[in-house]
Protein backbone atom coordinates (compact mmCIF):
# COMPACT_ATOMS: atom_id res chain seq x y z
CA MET A 1 352.47 -83.44 319.09
CA SER A 2 348.75 -84.83 318.03
CA THR A 3 346.47 -83.08 315.68
CA SER A 4 342.68 -83.21 314.94
CA ASP A 5 341.65 -86.88 314.16
CA TYR A 6 339.65 -85.46 310.35
CA ILE A 7 343.13 -83.86 309.48
CA ASP A 8 344.14 -86.20 306.29
CA ILE A 9 347.77 -85.19 306.02
CA ASP A 10 348.26 -87.85 303.10
CA SER A 11 345.18 -86.23 301.64
CA LEU A 12 346.68 -82.38 302.37
CA THR A 13 349.85 -83.63 300.60
CA SER A 14 348.76 -85.28 297.86
CA ASP A 15 349.35 -84.24 294.56
CA ASP A 16 345.88 -84.36 293.48
CA PHE A 17 344.88 -82.32 296.51
CA SER A 18 341.87 -80.28 295.74
CA PRO A 19 340.52 -77.59 298.01
CA TYR A 20 337.00 -77.73 297.24
CA ASP A 21 337.03 -81.25 298.07
CA HIS A 22 338.50 -80.98 301.25
CA ALA A 23 336.14 -77.77 302.31
CA ALA A 24 333.21 -79.73 301.44
CA ALA A 25 334.64 -82.89 303.52
CA LEU A 26 334.76 -80.48 306.23
CA ILE A 27 331.14 -79.24 306.00
CA GLN A 28 329.66 -82.62 305.76
CA ARG A 29 332.08 -83.74 308.76
CA SER A 30 330.57 -80.92 311.02
CA ASN A 31 326.94 -81.03 309.95
CA ASN A 32 324.12 -83.16 310.27
CA PRO A 33 322.75 -84.07 306.75
CA ALA A 34 319.17 -84.09 307.99
CA ASP A 35 319.53 -80.83 309.12
CA PRO A 36 318.18 -78.82 306.71
CA SER A 37 320.38 -75.66 307.97
CA VAL A 38 323.99 -75.48 307.06
CA ASP A 39 326.73 -74.38 309.91
CA LEU A 40 329.57 -72.93 308.15
CA ASN A 41 331.09 -71.43 311.39
CA THR A 42 332.22 -74.50 312.99
CA ALA A 43 333.76 -76.09 309.42
CA LEU A 44 335.67 -72.78 309.41
CA SER A 45 336.79 -72.67 313.03
CA ARG A 46 337.90 -76.19 312.58
CA ALA A 47 339.78 -75.49 309.29
CA LEU A 48 341.54 -72.19 311.16
CA PHE A 49 342.48 -74.34 314.04
CA ASP A 50 343.84 -76.93 311.92
CA LEU A 51 345.81 -74.22 309.98
CA GLN A 52 347.32 -72.95 313.46
CA GLU A 53 348.25 -77.11 314.47
CA ILE A 54 349.47 -77.27 311.13
CA ASP A 55 351.79 -73.89 311.18
CA SER A 56 352.86 -74.86 315.18
CA HIS A 57 353.80 -78.07 313.99
CA ILE A 58 355.94 -76.42 311.07
CA HIS A 59 357.46 -74.11 313.46
CA THR A 60 358.48 -77.08 315.82
CA LEU A 61 360.02 -79.17 312.95
CA THR A 62 361.88 -76.16 311.51
CA SER A 63 363.14 -75.06 315.07
CA ARG A 64 364.40 -78.66 315.93
CA SER A 65 365.88 -79.54 312.73
CA ALA A 66 367.34 -75.84 311.68
CA LEU A 67 370.95 -76.89 312.30
CA GLU A 68 370.52 -79.92 310.28
CA ILE A 69 368.43 -78.15 307.45
CA LEU A 70 371.19 -75.48 307.42
CA THR A 71 374.12 -78.07 307.19
CA TYR A 72 372.20 -79.82 304.63
CA THR A 73 371.74 -76.91 302.50
CA ARG A 74 375.52 -75.89 302.88
CA THR A 75 376.40 -79.29 301.72
CA GLN A 76 374.24 -79.11 298.60
CA ASN A 77 375.42 -75.64 298.10
CA GLU A 78 379.00 -76.85 298.41
CA ALA A 79 378.63 -79.84 296.06
CA ALA A 80 376.68 -77.74 293.72
CA GLN A 81 379.64 -75.24 293.52
CA ARG A 82 382.05 -78.29 293.11
CA ILE A 83 380.26 -79.83 290.12
CA LEU A 84 380.05 -76.22 288.89
CA ASP A 85 383.75 -75.89 289.29
CA ARG A 86 384.13 -78.96 287.65
CA VAL A 87 381.96 -78.18 285.14
CA GLU A 88 383.74 -74.89 284.27
CA GLU A 89 386.90 -76.69 284.03
CA GLU A 90 385.62 -79.40 281.76
CA ARG A 91 384.36 -76.41 279.63
CA GLY A 92 387.49 -74.48 279.54
CA ARG A 93 389.76 -77.60 278.35
CA LEU A 94 386.95 -78.46 275.85
CA ASN A 95 386.90 -74.77 274.68
CA ALA A 96 390.88 -74.95 274.42
CA SER A 97 390.87 -78.46 272.60
CA TYR A 98 388.07 -77.06 270.25
CA ALA A 99 390.36 -73.74 269.69
CA ARG A 100 393.28 -76.18 268.56
CA LEU A 101 391.40 -78.43 266.86
CA GLN A 102 389.89 -75.71 264.66
CA GLN A 103 393.56 -74.48 264.22
CA GLU A 104 394.87 -77.65 263.26
CA VAL A 105 391.57 -78.62 260.82
CA LEU A 106 391.58 -75.23 259.27
CA GLY A 107 395.26 -75.14 258.56
CA ARG A 108 394.78 -78.57 257.19
CA TYR A 109 392.18 -77.81 255.33
CA GLU A 110 393.38 -74.63 253.67
CA ARG A 111 396.46 -76.35 252.86
CA ALA A 112 394.47 -79.38 251.22
CA SER A 113 392.61 -77.26 249.21
CA THR A 114 396.31 -75.08 248.04
CA ALA A 115 397.03 -78.82 247.00
CA LYS A 116 394.27 -79.61 245.34
CA LEU A 117 393.90 -76.72 243.32
CA ASN A 118 397.55 -76.92 242.21
CA SER A 119 397.14 -80.65 241.61
CA THR A 120 394.31 -79.83 239.33
CA ARG A 121 395.79 -76.75 237.85
CA SER A 122 399.39 -79.05 237.03
CA TRP A 123 396.73 -82.11 235.75
CA GLN A 124 395.06 -79.54 233.29
CA VAL A 125 398.63 -78.51 232.33
CA LEU A 126 399.76 -81.94 231.89
CA GLN A 127 396.86 -82.67 229.88
CA LEU A 128 397.35 -79.31 227.74
CA GLY A 129 400.93 -80.42 227.12
CA ARG A 130 400.26 -83.93 226.02
CA GLN A 131 397.85 -82.47 223.52
CA VAL A 132 400.28 -79.75 222.04
CA GLN A 133 402.74 -82.45 222.25
CA ARG A 134 400.70 -84.49 220.17
CA VAL A 135 400.06 -81.70 217.93
CA LEU A 136 403.96 -81.00 217.29
CA ALA A 137 404.27 -84.89 216.50
CA LEU A 138 401.32 -84.67 214.01
CA ALA A 139 402.99 -81.77 212.79
CA ARG A 140 406.75 -83.11 212.30
CA GLN A 141 405.34 -86.41 210.78
CA PHE A 142 403.00 -84.21 208.32
CA GLU A 143 406.25 -81.97 207.28
CA THR A 144 408.20 -85.26 206.76
CA ALA A 145 405.70 -86.77 205.02
CA ILE A 146 405.31 -83.91 202.52
CA ALA A 147 409.23 -83.78 202.10
CA ASP A 148 409.14 -87.33 201.38
CA SER A 149 406.44 -86.91 198.75
CA GLY A 150 408.60 -84.00 196.98
CA LEU A 151 405.51 -81.71 196.87
CA GLY A 152 406.78 -78.42 195.43
CA ALA A 153 410.41 -79.68 194.87
CA GLY A 154 410.13 -79.08 191.20
CA ARG A 155 408.93 -82.81 190.64
CA VAL A 156 405.62 -82.22 188.79
CA GLY A 157 404.13 -85.35 188.24
CA LYS A 158 406.70 -87.56 189.98
CA GLU A 159 405.40 -86.80 193.58
CA ASP A 160 405.26 -89.78 195.69
CA HIS A 161 401.41 -90.13 196.23
CA GLN A 162 401.70 -92.64 198.42
CA ALA A 163 403.25 -90.28 200.83
CA LEU A 164 400.84 -87.75 200.39
CA VAL A 165 398.23 -90.29 201.14
CA ARG A 166 399.93 -90.39 204.52
CA ALA A 167 399.98 -86.87 204.74
CA THR A 168 396.03 -86.70 204.30
CA ARG A 169 395.74 -89.21 207.17
CA LEU A 170 397.75 -86.59 209.51
CA ILE A 171 395.58 -84.13 208.51
CA LEU A 172 392.36 -85.92 209.49
CA ALA A 173 394.41 -87.05 212.93
CA PHE A 174 394.91 -83.34 213.39
CA ARG A 175 391.33 -82.82 212.48
CA GLU A 176 390.11 -85.60 214.88
CA LEU A 177 392.40 -84.05 217.79
CA MET A 178 391.03 -80.47 217.52
CA ALA A 179 387.56 -81.94 217.64
CA THR A 180 387.97 -83.15 221.28
CA PRO A 181 386.30 -81.74 224.12
CA GLN A 182 389.94 -80.04 225.18
CA ALA A 183 390.52 -78.50 221.53
CA ALA A 184 389.09 -75.21 223.14
CA GLU A 185 391.92 -74.82 225.16
CA VAL A 186 394.47 -76.41 223.07
CA GLY A 187 393.32 -73.88 220.41
CA GLN A 188 393.94 -71.30 222.27
CA VAL A 189 397.72 -71.96 222.21
CA ASN A 190 399.97 -69.56 219.84
CA LEU A 191 402.17 -72.51 218.98
CA VAL A 192 398.93 -74.80 218.00
CA LYS A 193 397.65 -71.85 216.17
CA THR A 194 400.74 -71.18 214.41
CA ILE A 195 401.37 -74.97 213.34
CA ARG A 196 397.73 -75.12 212.20
CA GLY A 197 397.74 -72.03 209.95
CA ARG A 198 401.37 -72.75 208.61
CA VAL A 199 401.71 -76.16 208.36
CA PHE A 200 398.31 -78.26 208.35
CA GLU A 201 396.13 -75.32 206.40
CA ASP A 202 398.96 -74.55 203.77
CA GLY A 203 400.00 -78.19 203.50
CA GLU A 204 396.59 -79.28 203.09
CA ALA A 205 395.97 -76.70 200.35
CA ARG A 206 399.38 -78.34 198.54
CA VAL A 207 397.83 -81.86 198.77
CA LEU A 208 394.38 -80.88 197.63
CA ASP A 209 396.22 -79.09 194.72
CA PHE A 210 398.12 -82.27 193.95
CA ALA A 211 394.85 -84.70 194.02
CA ARG A 212 392.73 -82.28 191.66
CA ARG A 213 395.67 -81.60 189.35
CA THR A 214 396.15 -85.32 188.82
CA VAL A 215 391.99 -85.93 188.36
CA ARG A 216 392.22 -82.81 186.38
CA GLU A 217 395.17 -84.25 184.12
CA PHE A 218 393.98 -87.76 183.91
CA SER A 219 394.45 -89.90 180.61
CA THR A 220 395.05 -92.98 179.16
CA SER A 221 398.61 -91.71 177.96
CA SER A 222 401.89 -93.18 179.47
CA SER A 223 403.29 -89.88 180.56
CA PRO A 224 401.24 -88.19 183.50
CA GLY A 225 399.47 -85.15 182.29
CA GLY A 226 399.68 -85.57 178.71
CA SER A 227 397.10 -85.16 176.15
CA THR A 228 398.37 -87.45 173.41
CA PRO A 229 396.98 -91.31 173.54
CA SER A 230 399.51 -93.95 173.39
CA ASN A 231 399.01 -97.71 172.57
CA GLY A 232 398.56 -98.73 176.38
CA THR A 233 395.51 -97.94 178.54
CA PHE A 234 395.27 -96.33 181.78
CA LYS A 235 394.58 -99.58 183.30
CA GLY A 236 397.79 -101.04 182.00
CA ASN A 237 399.58 -98.57 183.52
CA GLU A 238 399.89 -99.66 187.18
CA GLY A 239 402.02 -96.41 187.98
CA ASN A 240 399.37 -93.94 186.88
CA SER A 241 396.57 -95.96 188.09
CA SER A 242 398.09 -96.18 191.55
CA ARG A 243 398.61 -92.22 191.51
CA PHE A 244 395.00 -91.61 190.12
CA THR A 245 393.66 -93.82 193.15
CA SER A 246 395.51 -91.84 195.53
CA ALA A 247 394.18 -88.77 194.61
CA CYS A 248 390.90 -90.02 194.44
CA HIS A 249 391.60 -91.33 198.09
CA ILE A 250 392.99 -87.88 199.16
CA LEU A 251 389.67 -86.04 197.50
CA TYR A 252 387.64 -88.27 199.43
CA LEU A 253 389.25 -87.77 202.81
CA LEU A 254 389.77 -84.44 203.20
CA SER A 255 386.10 -83.69 201.77
CA PRO A 256 384.07 -82.18 204.92
CA ALA A 257 382.44 -84.16 207.12
CA PRO A 258 380.77 -81.75 209.61
CA ARG A 259 379.21 -83.25 212.92
CA ILE A 260 375.45 -83.74 213.17
CA ASP A 261 374.42 -82.60 216.94
CA GLY A 262 378.24 -83.50 217.69
CA ALA A 263 377.85 -86.96 216.58
CA LYS A 264 380.10 -88.21 213.82
CA MET A 265 378.32 -88.19 210.07
CA THR A 266 377.54 -91.90 209.17
CA GLN A 267 379.90 -93.14 206.11
CA THR A 268 376.53 -93.77 203.97
CA ASP A 269 375.38 -90.28 204.36
CA PHE A 270 378.58 -88.83 203.63
CA GLU A 271 379.28 -86.90 199.92
CA PRO A 272 382.83 -86.49 199.05
CA GLU A 273 382.47 -82.86 197.84
CA TYR A 274 385.91 -82.07 196.74
CA LEU A 275 386.11 -85.59 194.94
CA LEU A 276 382.88 -84.80 193.09
CA ARG A 277 383.65 -81.58 192.28
CA ALA A 278 387.17 -82.66 190.87
CA LEU A 279 385.26 -85.65 188.81
CA GLN A 280 382.44 -82.97 187.28
CA SER A 281 385.19 -80.23 186.66
CA TYR A 282 387.41 -83.16 184.39
CA LEU A 283 383.97 -84.40 182.59
CA GLN A 284 382.99 -80.95 181.93
CA SER A 285 386.46 -79.71 180.36
CA ALA A 286 386.33 -82.81 178.31
CA ILE A 287 382.86 -81.85 177.14
CA THR A 288 383.95 -78.19 176.54
CA SER A 289 387.08 -79.29 174.69
CA SER A 290 385.48 -81.81 172.92
CA SER A 291 382.58 -79.24 171.42
CA ALA A 292 384.68 -76.83 170.88
CA ALA A 293 387.44 -78.72 168.91
CA ILE A 294 384.73 -80.45 166.90
CA GLY A 295 383.14 -76.81 165.96
CA ARG A 296 386.53 -75.81 164.77
CA ALA A 297 387.14 -78.84 162.73
CA LEU A 298 383.86 -78.63 161.11
CA GLY A 299 385.09 -75.29 160.07
CA GLN A 300 388.24 -76.50 158.68
CA LEU A 301 388.06 -80.06 157.26
CA PRO A 302 391.60 -80.94 157.11
CA LEU A 303 391.87 -80.99 160.63
CA LEU A 304 388.56 -83.34 161.33
CA GLU A 305 390.47 -86.50 161.74
CA ARG A 306 393.12 -85.50 163.80
CA THR A 307 389.96 -83.78 166.08
CA THR A 308 388.20 -86.64 165.51
CA VAL A 309 391.19 -88.85 167.48
CA GLU A 310 391.85 -86.30 169.93
CA VAL A 311 387.72 -86.39 170.87
CA SER A 312 388.01 -90.36 170.87
CA ALA A 313 390.89 -90.46 172.88
CA ARG A 314 388.70 -88.07 175.65
CA CYS A 315 386.13 -90.35 175.59
CA GLN A 316 388.38 -93.55 175.83
CA ASN A 317 389.57 -91.57 179.11
CA ILE A 318 386.36 -91.22 180.34
CA VAL A 319 385.36 -94.83 179.93
CA VAL A 320 388.50 -95.93 181.38
CA LEU A 321 388.06 -93.39 184.47
CA GLU A 322 384.59 -95.12 185.11
CA THR A 323 385.99 -98.70 185.25
CA LEU A 324 388.99 -97.54 187.35
CA LEU A 325 386.36 -95.62 189.86
CA GLY A 326 384.28 -98.84 189.78
CA ARG A 327 387.82 -100.73 191.28
CA ILE A 328 388.64 -98.22 193.90
CA THR A 329 387.28 -98.89 197.33
CA ALA A 330 386.38 -95.93 199.44
CA PRO A 331 389.09 -95.64 202.44
CA ALA A 332 388.24 -96.14 206.17
CA HIS A 333 387.61 -92.43 207.14
CA PRO A 334 388.11 -91.44 210.73
CA LEU A 335 386.05 -88.78 210.94
CA LEU A 336 382.62 -90.69 210.11
CA GLN A 337 381.05 -93.96 211.82
CA PRO A 338 381.56 -97.05 210.03
CA ALA A 339 378.78 -98.15 207.51
CA ALA A 340 377.80 -101.71 207.05
CA PRO A 341 380.49 -104.37 206.44
CA ARG A 342 380.80 -104.09 202.96
CA HIS A 343 383.09 -102.33 200.46
CA ARG A 344 382.06 -98.89 199.49
CA ARG A 345 383.06 -98.39 195.81
CA LEU A 346 383.35 -94.73 194.09
CA GLU A 347 381.40 -96.27 191.09
CA PRO A 348 378.58 -94.01 192.06
CA THR A 349 380.40 -91.04 191.76
CA ALA A 350 381.36 -91.86 188.15
CA ALA A 351 377.59 -92.78 187.30
CA HIS A 352 376.92 -89.29 188.47
CA GLY A 353 379.55 -87.61 186.47
CA ARG A 354 378.20 -89.26 183.84
CA ARG A 355 374.86 -88.71 184.13
CA LYS A 356 376.10 -84.99 183.77
CA LYS A 357 377.86 -85.50 180.66
CA GLN A 358 374.90 -87.50 178.75
CA HIS A 359 372.58 -84.51 180.01
CA LYS A 360 375.12 -81.63 178.66
CA THR A 361 375.46 -83.68 175.27
CA GLY A 362 372.05 -83.91 174.62
CA ARG A 363 371.82 -80.14 175.21
CA GLU A 364 374.38 -79.94 172.58
CA LYS A 365 372.40 -82.07 170.08
CA GLN A 366 369.70 -80.01 170.13
CA PRO A 367 369.23 -77.55 166.89
């Protein structure tokens, strides 16, 4: 079927088709550009005629190809339905696989979470058990050291001071153990509480009492605790010398060593409080006793010579004590940061006590 020669099918079916441009083209084709009057009826009639032709052409095409169009449409619908059925089938299998996988994964995840929790708690219990076992081992060693020392067994003055130094080291090991991050949990165990109170704290008090008594009874006499001087000196009495050295080490080690901002105190900043107090008490006692004895002797002249000998012996004890302290090396302290690589001696401690003695004597000599 033919159409008018001015119908541009390609232009009408183009994606860039513009009805305004098409109407302008029809008007220009149906009018003379030199004629001032414009005839729109002709252009409109031709547009209507073209519409009728196009409609007739579409009707003819659809009537002639109706069976093919219906067959094509049915084929497309059937293909789409088959695709939809396959998609639904795949979606059902995917949902079933997802549900099965979800069940398996969630079940395994729950079992894994339970296993992780159990293993974590078991590890915590194991660590706690090891800490408690360590505390028990230290307590047994401490009790053995106390028993070997003979402390509290009626052997006053004959205790094994080296065993007591070992016991002191065990006390420091217990302190260091209780200063660890796990100490809060370990300290809540009833057994550890009992061991701390009945074993270490009571034992520490007994060891400190021994050390303070040894310093308090320091003398150049050959018999420990004696107050009568003999021909020998404390330097020559190796037993008493080592006993006094052990007592100083015990007081030095057991003196409080607090942590500063969670860090260990340096050895240069550490002051052995217990040792200083024991030496100050010894010097104060010697000064007080000597002053009182001299005061009584001045009132009873027959006692003056004996009192002079006793005071001289006490002075000799102080001189020997200073000499001995100058030879004693400060032991390694596990709760302190190590100082510079040089030996720290206890001589400054003796000098501190000597200055207090001189100050006290100077005050007594004033009228």
